[in-house]
PDB file of all heavy atoms in Angstrom:
ATOM      1  N   TRP A   1     -23.088   8.226  -0.428  1.00  0.00           N
ATOM      2  CA  TRP A   1     -23.025   8.559   1.019  1.00  0.00           C
ATOM      3  C   TRP A   1     -22.412   9.960   1.248  1.00  0.00           C
ATOM      4  O   TRP A   1     -21.374  10.048   1.946  1.00  0.00           O
ATOM      5  CB  TRP A   1     -22.363   7.478   1.750  1.00  0.00           C
ATOM      6  CG  TRP A   1     -22.636   7.317   3.238  1.00  0.00           C
ATOM      7  CD1 TRP A   1     -21.669   7.219   4.179  1.00  0.00           C
ATOM      8  CD2 TRP A   1     -23.835   7.219   3.879  1.00  0.00           C
ATOM      9  NE1 TRP A   1     -22.289   7.134   5.452  1.00  0.00           N
ATOM     10  CE2 TRP A   1     -23.662   7.080   5.267  1.00  0.00           C
ATOM     11  CE3 TRP A   1     -25.101   7.253   3.399  1.00  0.00           C
ATOM     12  CZ2 TRP A   1     -24.671   6.925   6.188  1.00  0.00           C
ATOM     13  CZ3 TRP A   1     -26.205   7.121   4.349  1.00  0.00           C
ATOM     14  CH2 TRP A   1     -25.935   6.977   5.720  1.00  0.00           C
ATOM     15  N   LYS A   2     -22.945  10.978   0.570  1.00  0.00           N
ATOM     16  CA  LYS A   2     -22.499  12.320   0.624  1.00  0.00           C
ATOM     17  C   LYS A   2     -21.025  12.494   0.335  1.00  0.00           C
ATOM     18  O   LYS A   2     -20.309  13.296   0.887  1.00  0.00           O
ATOM     19  CB  LYS A   2     -22.823  12.908   2.028  1.00  0.00           C
ATOM     20  CG  LYS A   2     -24.328  13.037   2.362  1.00  0.00           C
ATOM     21  CD  LYS A   2     -24.483  13.562   3.724  1.00  0.00           C
ATOM     22  CE  LYS A   2     -25.987  13.843   4.030  1.00  0.00           C
ATOM     23  NZ  LYS A   2     -26.924  12.686   3.969  1.00  0.00           N
ATOM     24  N   GLY A   3     -20.610  11.658  -0.600  1.00  0.00           N
ATOM     25  CA  GLY A   3     -19.197  11.686  -1.029  1.00  0.00           C
ATOM     26  C   GLY A   3     -18.227  10.980  -0.120  1.00  0.00           C
ATOM     27  O   GLY A   3     -17.001  10.843  -0.478  1.00  0.00           O
ATOM     28  N   ARG A   4     -18.679  10.425   0.916  1.00  0.00           N
ATOM     29  CA  ARG A   4     -17.791   9.785   1.943  1.00  0.00           C
ATOM     30  C   ARG A   4     -17.072   8.522   1.418  1.00  0.00           C
ATOM     31  O   ARG A   4     -15.994   8.202   1.762  1.00  0.00           O
ATOM     32  CB  ARG A   4     -18.548   9.363   3.165  1.00  0.00           C
ATOM     33  CG  ARG A   4     -19.014  10.569   4.076  1.00  0.00           C
ATOM     34  CD  ARG A   4     -19.766  10.114   5.262  1.00  0.00           C
ATOM     35  NE  ARG A   4     -20.364  11.125   6.034  1.00  0.00           N
ATOM     36  CZ  ARG A   4     -21.673  11.289   6.096  1.00  0.00           C
ATOM     37  NH1 ARG A   4     -22.518  10.413   5.560  1.00  0.00           N
ATOM     38  NH2 ARG A   4     -22.229  12.325   6.773  1.00  0.00           N
ATOM     39  N   VAL A   5     -17.770   7.830   0.446  1.00  0.00           N
ATOM     40  CA  VAL A   5     -17.216   6.577  -0.020  1.00  0.00           C
ATOM     41  C   VAL A   5     -15.924   6.759  -0.748  1.00  0.00           C
ATOM     42  O   VAL A   5     -15.144   5.753  -0.871  1.00  0.00           O
ATOM     43  CB  VAL A   5     -18.241   5.869  -0.915  1.00  0.00           C
ATOM     44  CG1 VAL A   5     -19.366   5.389  -0.027  1.00  0.00           C
ATOM     45  CG2 VAL A   5     -18.682   6.633  -2.065  1.00  0.00           C
ATOM     46  N   VAL A   6     -15.663   7.909  -1.277  1.00  0.00           N
ATOM     47  CA  VAL A   6     -14.449   8.230  -2.040  1.00  0.00           C
ATOM     48  C   VAL A   6     -13.316   8.707  -1.192  1.00  0.00           C
ATOM     49  O   VAL A   6     -12.153   8.902  -1.640  1.00  0.00           O
ATOM     50  CB  VAL A   6     -14.669   9.087  -3.292  1.00  0.00           C
ATOM     51  CG1 VAL A   6     -15.574   8.505  -4.242  1.00  0.00           C
ATOM     52  CG2 VAL A   6     -15.110  10.459  -2.826  1.00  0.00           C
ATOM     53  N   ASN A   7     -13.580   8.981   0.091  1.00  0.00           N
ATOM     54  CA  ASN A   7     -12.615   9.459   1.004  1.00  0.00           C
ATOM     55  C   ASN A   7     -12.041   8.291   1.862  1.00  0.00           C
ATOM     56  O   ASN A   7     -12.724   7.955   2.768  1.00  0.00           O
ATOM     57  CB  ASN A   7     -13.216  10.545   1.897  1.00  0.00           C
ATOM     58  CG  ASN A   7     -12.109  11.191   2.830  1.00  0.00           C
ATOM     59  OD1 ASN A   7     -11.014  10.675   3.155  1.00  0.00           O
ATOM     60  ND2 ASN A   7     -12.477  12.419   3.354  1.00  0.00           N
ATOM     61  N   PRO A   8     -10.841   7.787   1.572  1.00  0.00           N
ATOM     62  CA  PRO A   8     -10.343   6.552   2.362  1.00  0.00           C
ATOM     63  C   PRO A   8     -10.072   6.837   3.808  1.00  0.00           C
ATOM     64  O   PRO A   8     -10.018   5.897   4.566  1.00  0.00           O
ATOM     65  CB  PRO A   8      -9.063   6.271   1.569  1.00  0.00           C
ATOM     66  CG  PRO A   8      -8.674   7.487   0.822  1.00  0.00           C
ATOM     67  CD  PRO A   8      -9.933   8.231   0.574  1.00  0.00           C
ATOM     68  N   SER A   9     -10.057   8.119   4.194  1.00  0.00           N
ATOM     69  CA  SER A   9      -9.780   8.339   5.605  1.00  0.00           C
ATOM     70  C   SER A   9     -11.063   8.208   6.421  1.00  0.00           C
ATOM     71  O   SER A   9     -11.062   8.202   7.677  1.00  0.00           O
ATOM     72  CB  SER A   9      -9.229   9.808   5.882  1.00  0.00           C
ATOM     73  OG  SER A   9     -10.235  10.773   5.479  1.00  0.00           O
ATOM     74  N   ILE A  10     -12.198   8.094   5.778  1.00  0.00           N
ATOM     75  CA  ILE A  10     -13.478   7.873   6.488  1.00  0.00           C
ATOM     76  C   ILE A  10     -13.748   6.436   6.631  1.00  0.00           C
ATOM     77  O   ILE A  10     -13.786   5.691   5.607  1.00  0.00           O
ATOM     78  CB  ILE A  10     -14.670   8.557   5.810  1.00  0.00           C
ATOM     79  CG1 ILE A  10     -14.408  10.108   5.773  1.00  0.00           C
ATOM     80  CG2 ILE A  10     -15.990   8.298   6.594  1.00  0.00           C
ATOM     81  CD1 ILE A  10     -15.462  10.927   4.972  1.00  0.00           C
ATOM     82  N   THR A  11     -13.732   5.867   7.873  1.00  0.00           N
ATOM     83  CA  THR A  11     -13.803   4.435   8.020  1.00  0.00           C
ATOM     84  C   THR A  11     -14.913   3.956   8.963  1.00  0.00           C
ATOM     85  O   THR A  11     -14.849   2.886   9.507  1.00  0.00           O
ATOM     86  CB  THR A  11     -12.494   3.954   8.634  1.00  0.00           C
ATOM     87  OG1 THR A  11     -12.225   4.628   9.802  1.00  0.00           O
ATOM     88  CG2 THR A  11     -11.280   4.170   7.594  1.00  0.00           C
ATOM     89  N   ASP A  12     -16.008   4.778   9.084  1.00  0.00           N
ATOM     90  CA  ASP A  12     -17.139   4.246   9.863  1.00  0.00           C
ATOM     91  C   ASP A  12     -17.775   3.111   9.132  1.00  0.00           C
ATOM     92  O   ASP A  12     -17.601   2.940   7.968  1.00  0.00           O
ATOM     93  CB  ASP A  12     -18.154   5.436  10.084  1.00  0.00           C
ATOM     94  CG  ASP A  12     -18.792   5.926   8.801  1.00  0.00           C
ATOM     95  OD1 ASP A  12     -19.821   5.299   8.462  1.00  0.00           O
ATOM     96  OD2 ASP A  12     -18.216   6.772   8.217  1.00  0.00           O
ATOM     97  N   GLU A  13     -18.570   2.353   9.911  1.00  0.00           N
ATOM     98  CA  GLU A  13     -19.129   1.086   9.422  1.00  0.00           C
ATOM     99  C   GLU A  13     -19.939   1.245   8.161  1.00  0.00           C
ATOM    100  O   GLU A  13     -19.877   0.500   7.192  1.00  0.00           O
ATOM    101  CB  GLU A  13     -19.933   0.389  10.481  1.00  0.00           C
ATOM    102  CG  GLU A  13     -20.492  -0.933  10.141  1.00  0.00           C
ATOM    103  CD  GLU A  13     -21.321  -1.532  11.263  1.00  0.00           C
ATOM    104  OE1 GLU A  13     -21.781  -0.891  12.186  1.00  0.00           O
ATOM    105  OE2 GLU A  13     -21.657  -2.769  11.109  1.00  0.00           O
ATOM    106  N   GLN A  14     -20.824   2.313   8.145  1.00  0.00           N
ATOM    107  CA  GLN A  14     -21.734   2.481   7.025  1.00  0.00           C
ATOM    108  C   GLN A  14     -20.917   2.852   5.791  1.00  0.00           C
ATOM    109  O   GLN A  14     -21.250   2.291   4.638  1.00  0.00           O
ATOM    110  CB  GLN A  14     -22.764   3.569   7.274  1.00  0.00           C
ATOM    111  CG  GLN A  14     -23.775   3.098   8.330  1.00  0.00           C
ATOM    112  CD  GLN A  14     -24.776   4.182   8.535  1.00  0.00           C
ATOM    113  OE1 GLN A  14     -24.444   5.286   8.879  1.00  0.00           O
ATOM    114  NE2 GLN A  14     -26.092   3.815   8.513  1.00  0.00           N
ATOM    115  N   THR A  15     -19.947   3.737   5.936  1.00  0.00           N
ATOM    116  CA  THR A  15     -19.189   4.154   4.711  1.00  0.00           C
ATOM    117  C   THR A  15     -18.367   2.968   4.245  1.00  0.00           C
ATOM    118  O   THR A  15     -18.343   2.773   2.867  1.00  0.00           O
ATOM    119  CB  THR A  15     -18.253   5.266   5.125  1.00  0.00           C
ATOM    120  OG1 THR A  15     -19.057   6.411   5.681  1.00  0.00           O
ATOM    121  CG2 THR A  15     -17.387   5.789   3.892  1.00  0.00           C
ATOM    122  N   VAL A  16     -17.718   2.170   5.048  1.00  0.00           N
ATOM    123  CA  VAL A  16     -16.984   1.042   4.558  1.00  0.00           C
ATOM    124  C   VAL A  16     -17.920   0.023   3.903  1.00  0.00           C
ATOM    125  O   VAL A  16     -17.576  -0.541   2.844  1.00  0.00           O
ATOM    126  CB  VAL A  16     -16.224   0.395   5.749  1.00  0.00           C
ATOM    127  CG1 VAL A  16     -15.654  -0.934   5.344  1.00  0.00           C
ATOM    128  CG2 VAL A  16     -15.156   1.336   6.347  1.00  0.00           C
ATOM    129  N   HIS A  17     -19.016  -0.207   4.462  1.00  0.00           N
ATOM    130  CA  HIS A  17     -20.023  -1.148   3.882  1.00  0.00           C
ATOM    131  C   HIS A  17     -20.415  -0.695   2.463  1.00  0.00           C
ATOM    132  O   HIS A  17     -20.464  -1.507   1.541  1.00  0.00           O
ATOM    133  CB  HIS A  17     -21.234  -1.331   4.707  1.00  0.00           C
ATOM    134  CG  HIS A  17     -22.142  -2.402   4.346  1.00  0.00           C
ATOM    135  ND1 HIS A  17     -21.913  -3.720   4.586  1.00  0.00           N
ATOM    136  CD2 HIS A  17     -23.147  -2.397   3.472  1.00  0.00           C
ATOM    137  CE1 HIS A  17     -22.813  -4.485   4.013  1.00  0.00           C
ATOM    138  NE2 HIS A  17     -23.601  -3.711   3.332  1.00  0.00           N
ATOM    139  N   LEU A  18     -20.791   0.577   2.294  1.00  0.00           N
ATOM    140  CA  LEU A  18     -21.210   1.048   0.961  1.00  0.00           C
ATOM    141  C   LEU A  18     -19.943   1.067   0.035  1.00  0.00           C
ATOM    142  O   LEU A  18     -20.172   0.659  -1.178  1.00  0.00           O
ATOM    143  CB  LEU A  18     -21.626   2.510   1.124  1.00  0.00           C
ATOM    144  CG  LEU A  18     -23.017   2.643   1.765  1.00  0.00           C
ATOM    145  CD1 LEU A  18     -23.405   4.053   2.061  1.00  0.00           C
ATOM    146  CD2 LEU A  18     -24.097   1.982   0.859  1.00  0.00           C
ATOM    147  N   ARG A  19     -18.766   1.324   0.463  1.00  0.00           N
ATOM    148  CA  ARG A  19     -17.557   1.219  -0.388  1.00  0.00           C
ATOM    149  C   ARG A  19     -17.421  -0.266  -0.887  1.00  0.00           C
ATOM    150  O   ARG A  19     -17.205  -0.504  -2.055  1.00  0.00           O
ATOM    151  CB  ARG A  19     -16.361   1.646   0.375  1.00  0.00           C
ATOM    152  CG  ARG A  19     -15.120   1.979  -0.355  1.00  0.00           C
ATOM    153  CD  ARG A  19     -14.047   2.578   0.564  1.00  0.00           C
ATOM    154  NE  ARG A  19     -14.400   3.973   1.049  1.00  0.00           N
ATOM    155  CZ  ARG A  19     -14.252   4.312   2.328  1.00  0.00           C
ATOM    156  NH1 ARG A  19     -13.721   3.525   3.252  1.00  0.00           N
ATOM    157  NH2 ARG A  19     -14.495   5.489   2.715  1.00  0.00           N
ATOM    158  N   GLU A  20     -17.589  -1.203   0.057  1.00  0.00           N
ATOM    159  CA  GLU A  20     -17.536  -2.578  -0.285  1.00  0.00           C
ATOM    160  C   GLU A  20     -18.625  -2.990  -1.193  1.00  0.00           C
ATOM    161  O   GLU A  20     -18.457  -3.850  -2.155  1.00  0.00           O
ATOM    162  CB  GLU A  20     -17.479  -3.438   0.961  1.00  0.00           C
ATOM    163  CG  GLU A  20     -16.224  -3.320   1.787  1.00  0.00           C
ATOM    164  CD  GLU A  20     -16.342  -3.997   3.077  1.00  0.00           C
ATOM    165  OE1 GLU A  20     -17.367  -4.508   3.521  1.00  0.00           O
ATOM    166  OE2 GLU A  20     -15.265  -4.038   3.779  1.00  0.00           O
ATOM    167  N   LEU A  21     -19.818  -2.520  -0.947  1.00  0.00           N
ATOM    168  CA  LEU A  21     -21.007  -2.850  -1.915  1.00  0.00           C
ATOM    169  C   LEU A  21     -20.709  -2.352  -3.295  1.00  0.00           C
ATOM    170  O   LEU A  21     -20.906  -3.056  -4.228  1.00  0.00           O
ATOM    171  CB  LEU A  21     -22.318  -2.148  -1.413  1.00  0.00           C
ATOM    172  CG  LEU A  21     -23.413  -2.258  -2.332  1.00  0.00           C
ATOM    173  CD1 LEU A  21     -24.030  -3.628  -2.280  1.00  0.00           C
ATOM    174  CD2 LEU A  21     -24.442  -1.168  -2.038  1.00  0.00           C
ATOM    175  N   ASN A  22     -20.199  -1.141  -3.420  1.00  0.00           N
ATOM    176  CA  ASN A  22     -19.942  -0.576  -4.808  1.00  0.00           C
ATOM    177  C   ASN A  22     -18.896  -1.461  -5.487  1.00  0.00           C
ATOM    178  O   ASN A  22     -19.046  -1.729  -6.677  1.00  0.00           O
ATOM    179  CB  ASN A  22     -19.381   0.887  -4.640  1.00  0.00           C
ATOM    180  CG  ASN A  22     -20.543   1.820  -4.274  1.00  0.00           C
ATOM    181  OD1 ASN A  22     -21.721   1.599  -4.623  1.00  0.00           O
ATOM    182  ND2 ASN A  22     -20.186   2.870  -3.643  1.00  0.00           N
ATOM    183  N   ALA A  23     -17.896  -1.862  -4.820  1.00  0.00           N
ATOM    184  CA  ALA A  23     -16.856  -2.756  -5.431  1.00  0.00           C
ATOM    185  C   ALA A  23     -17.468  -4.130  -5.736  1.00  0.00           C
ATOM    186  O   ALA A  23     -17.218  -4.698  -6.819  1.00  0.00           O
ATOM    187  CB  ALA A  23     -15.716  -2.922  -4.439  1.00  0.00           C
ATOM    188  N   LYS A  24     -18.342  -4.641  -4.794  1.00  0.00           N
ATOM    189  CA  LYS A  24     -18.928  -5.962  -5.085  1.00  0.00           C
ATOM    190  C   LYS A  24     -19.819  -5.910  -6.327  1.00  0.00           C
ATOM    191  O   LYS A  24     -19.743  -6.825  -7.130  1.00  0.00           O
ATOM    192  CB  LYS A  24     -19.780  -6.327  -3.874  1.00  0.00           C
ATOM    193  CG  LYS A  24     -20.535  -7.636  -4.044  1.00  0.00           C
ATOM    194  CD  LYS A  24     -21.401  -7.893  -2.850  1.00  0.00           C
ATOM    195  CE  LYS A  24     -22.150  -9.183  -2.910  1.00  0.00           C
ATOM    196  NZ  LYS A  24     -21.647 -10.204  -2.033  1.00  0.00           N
ATOM    197  N   LEU A  25     -20.617  -4.903  -6.452  1.00  0.00           N
ATOM    198  CA  LEU A  25     -21.512  -4.757  -7.588  1.00  0.00           C
ATOM    199  C   LEU A  25     -20.702  -4.572  -8.917  1.00  0.00           C
ATOM    200  O   LEU A  25     -20.993  -5.171  -9.951  1.00  0.00           O
ATOM    201  CB  LEU A  25     -22.510  -3.634  -7.365  1.00  0.00           C
ATOM    202  CG  LEU A  25     -23.531  -3.875  -6.303  1.00  0.00           C
ATOM    203  CD1 LEU A  25     -24.386  -2.599  -6.123  1.00  0.00           C
ATOM    204  CD2 LEU A  25     -24.340  -5.119  -6.493  1.00  0.00           C
ATOM    205  N   ARG A  26     -19.652  -3.812  -8.818  1.00  0.00           N
ATOM    206  CA  ARG A  26     -18.842  -3.587  -9.958  1.00  0.00           C
ATOM    207  C   ARG A  26     -18.221  -4.860 -10.482  1.00  0.00           C
ATOM    208  O   ARG A  26     -18.058  -5.116 -11.699  1.00  0.00           O
ATOM    209  CB  ARG A  26     -17.715  -2.605  -9.652  1.00  0.00           C
ATOM    210  CG  ARG A  26     -16.786  -2.288 -10.778  1.00  0.00           C
ATOM    211  CD  ARG A  26     -15.663  -1.405 -10.500  1.00  0.00           C
ATOM    212  NE  ARG A  26     -14.776  -2.012  -9.457  1.00  0.00           N
ATOM    213  CZ  ARG A  26     -14.426  -1.523  -8.287  1.00  0.00           C
ATOM    214  NH1 ARG A  26     -14.864  -0.399  -7.876  1.00  0.00           N
ATOM    215  NH2 ARG A  26     -13.624  -2.221  -7.468  1.00  0.00           N
ATOM    216  N   ASN A  27     -17.872  -5.775  -9.570  1.00  0.00           N
ATOM    217  CA  ASN A  27     -17.193  -7.044  -9.965  1.00  0.00           C
ATOM    218  C   ASN A  27     -18.037  -8.245  -9.991  1.00  0.00           C
ATOM    219  O   ASN A  27     -17.539  -9.397 -10.281  1.00  0.00           O
ATOM    220  CB  ASN A  27     -16.047  -7.197  -8.874  1.00  0.00           C
ATOM    221  CG  ASN A  27     -14.965  -6.187  -8.910  1.00  0.00           C
ATOM    222  OD1 ASN A  27     -14.568  -5.805 -10.026  1.00  0.00           O
ATOM    223  ND2 ASN A  27     -14.566  -5.729  -7.865  1.00  0.00           N
ATOM    224  N   ASP A  28     -19.294  -8.065  -9.747  1.00  0.00           N
ATOM    225  CA  ASP A  28     -20.311  -9.220  -9.701  1.00  0.00           C
ATOM    226  C   ASP A  28     -20.578  -9.568 -11.090  1.00  0.00           C
ATOM    227  O   ASP A  28     -21.318  -8.859 -11.787  1.00  0.00           O
ATOM    228  CB  ASP A  28     -21.516  -8.883  -8.843  1.00  0.00           C
ATOM    229  CG  ASP A  28     -22.401 -10.028  -8.634  1.00  0.00           C
ATOM    230  OD1 ASP A  28     -22.378 -11.047  -9.341  1.00  0.00           O
ATOM    231  OD2 ASP A  28     -23.227  -9.984  -7.654  1.00  0.00           O
ATOM    232  N   PRO A  29     -20.265 -10.804 -11.531  1.00  0.00           N
ATOM    233  CA  PRO A  29     -20.518 -11.196 -12.938  1.00  0.00           C
ATOM    234  C   PRO A  29     -21.984 -11.506 -13.215  1.00  0.00           C
ATOM    235  O   PRO A  29     -22.418 -11.653 -14.324  1.00  0.00           O
ATOM    236  CB  PRO A  29     -19.740 -12.476 -13.126  1.00  0.00           C
ATOM    237  CG  PRO A  29     -19.482 -12.997 -11.769  1.00  0.00           C
ATOM    238  CD  PRO A  29     -19.455 -11.837 -10.843  1.00  0.00           C
ATOM    239  N   ARG A  30     -22.880 -11.518 -12.168  1.00  0.00           N
ATOM    240  CA  ARG A  30     -24.207 -11.840 -12.267  1.00  0.00           C
ATOM    241  C   ARG A  30     -25.100 -10.581 -12.548  1.00  0.00           C
ATOM    242  O   ARG A  30     -26.230 -10.658 -13.014  1.00  0.00           O
ATOM    243  CB  ARG A  30     -24.819 -12.503 -10.952  1.00  0.00           C
ATOM    244  CG  ARG A  30     -24.011 -13.688 -10.490  1.00  0.00           C
ATOM    245  CD  ARG A  30     -24.486 -14.139  -9.192  1.00  0.00           C
ATOM    246  NE  ARG A  30     -23.989 -13.113  -8.187  1.00  0.00           N
ATOM    247  CZ  ARG A  30     -24.260 -13.111  -6.830  1.00  0.00           C
ATOM    248  NH1 ARG A  30     -25.052 -14.069  -6.354  1.00  0.00           N
ATOM    249  NH2 ARG A  30     -23.837 -12.175  -6.120  1.00  0.00           N
ATOM    250  N   VAL A  31     -24.416  -9.453 -12.489  1.00  0.00           N
ATOM    251  CA  VAL A  31     -25.112  -8.170 -12.779  1.00  0.00           C
ATOM    252  C   VAL A  31     -24.318  -7.204 -13.616  1.00  0.00           C
ATOM    253  O   VAL A  31     -23.025  -7.303 -13.606  1.00  0.00           O
ATOM    254  CB  VAL A  31     -25.617  -7.405 -11.465  1.00  0.00           C
ATOM    255  CG1 VAL A  31     -26.521  -8.268 -10.695  1.00  0.00           C
ATOM    256  CG2 VAL A  31     -24.394  -6.984 -10.666  1.00  0.00           C
ATOM    257  N   ALA A  32     -24.969  -6.334 -14.309  1.00  0.00           N
ATOM    258  CA  ALA A  32     -24.341  -5.184 -14.936  1.00  0.00           C
ATOM    259  C   ALA A  32     -24.803  -3.986 -13.987  1.00  0.00           C
ATOM    260  O   ALA A  32     -25.982  -3.877 -13.670  1.00  0.00           O
ATOM    261  CB  ALA A  32     -24.811  -5.012 -16.362  1.00  0.00           C
ATOM    262  N   SER A  33     -23.853  -3.171 -13.618  1.00  0.00           N
ATOM    263  CA  SER A  33     -24.222  -2.093 -12.707  1.00  0.00           C
ATOM    264  C   SER A  33     -23.694  -0.775 -13.158  1.00  0.00           C
ATOM    265  O   SER A  33     -22.664  -0.692 -13.896  1.00  0.00           O
ATOM    266  CB  SER A  33     -23.721  -2.479 -11.286  1.00  0.00           C
ATOM    267  OG  SER A  33     -22.334  -2.484 -11.203  1.00  0.00           O
ATOM    268  N   SER A  34     -24.417   0.253 -12.679  1.00  0.00           N
ATOM    269  CA  SER A  34     -23.966   1.641 -12.995  1.00  0.00           C
ATOM    270  C   SER A  34     -24.359   2.592 -11.829  1.00  0.00           C
ATOM    271  O   SER A  34     -25.505   2.414 -11.287  1.00  0.00           O
ATOM    272  CB  SER A  34     -24.651   2.119 -14.245  1.00  0.00           C
ATOM    273  OG  SER A  34     -24.162   3.412 -14.553  1.00  0.00           O
ATOM    274  N   VAL A  35     -23.537   3.395 -11.411  1.00  0.00           N
ATOM    275  CA  VAL A  35     -23.759   4.330 -10.396  1.00  0.00           C
ATOM    276  C   VAL A  35     -24.293   5.620 -11.040  1.00  0.00           C
ATOM    277  O   VAL A  35     -23.656   6.118 -12.089  1.00  0.00           O
ATOM    278  CB  VAL A  35     -22.570   4.680  -9.473  1.00  0.00           C
ATOM    279  CG1 VAL A  35     -22.884   5.802  -8.527  1.00  0.00           C
ATOM    280  CG2 VAL A  35     -22.130   3.448  -8.834  1.00  0.00           C
ATOM    281  N   VAL A  36     -25.432   6.069 -10.540  1.00  0.00           N
ATOM    282  CA  VAL A  36     -26.069   7.338 -11.050  1.00  0.00           C
ATOM    283  C   VAL A  36     -25.775   8.414 -10.046  1.00  0.00           C
ATOM    284  O   VAL A  36     -26.206   8.272  -8.821  1.00  0.00           O
ATOM    285  CB  VAL A  36     -27.588   7.205 -11.289  1.00  0.00           C
ATOM    286  CG1 VAL A  36     -28.154   8.491 -11.813  1.00  0.00           C
ATOM    287  CG2 VAL A  36     -27.802   6.054 -12.250  1.00  0.00           C
ATOM    288  N   ARG A  37     -25.072   9.500 -10.468  1.00  0.00           N
ATOM    289  CA  ARG A  37     -24.775  10.622  -9.529  1.00  0.00           C
ATOM    290  C   ARG A  37     -25.999  11.565  -9.412  1.00  0.00           C
ATOM    291  O   ARG A  37     -25.869  12.726  -9.773  1.00  0.00           O
ATOM    292  CB  ARG A  37     -23.488  11.315 -10.069  1.00  0.00           C
ATOM    293  CG  ARG A  37     -22.275  10.490  -9.912  1.00  0.00           C
ATOM    294  CD  ARG A  37     -21.114  11.205 -10.472  1.00  0.00           C
ATOM    295  NE  ARG A  37     -21.143  12.654 -10.420  1.00  0.00           N
ATOM    296  CZ  ARG A  37     -20.452  13.427 -11.189  1.00  0.00           C
ATOM    297  NH1 ARG A  37     -19.616  13.023 -12.063  1.00  0.00           N
ATOM    298  NH2 ARG A  37     -20.660  14.774 -11.037  1.00  0.00           N
TER     299      ARG A  37
END
């Protein structure tokens, strides 16, 4: 999200959701995940 997900001061709904998605996928034992920059 244009780097917004790593900036904790950005708290709009989309950014927060993507931040939560990234954490969810990282911790989901049903999948192996990787972020491609």
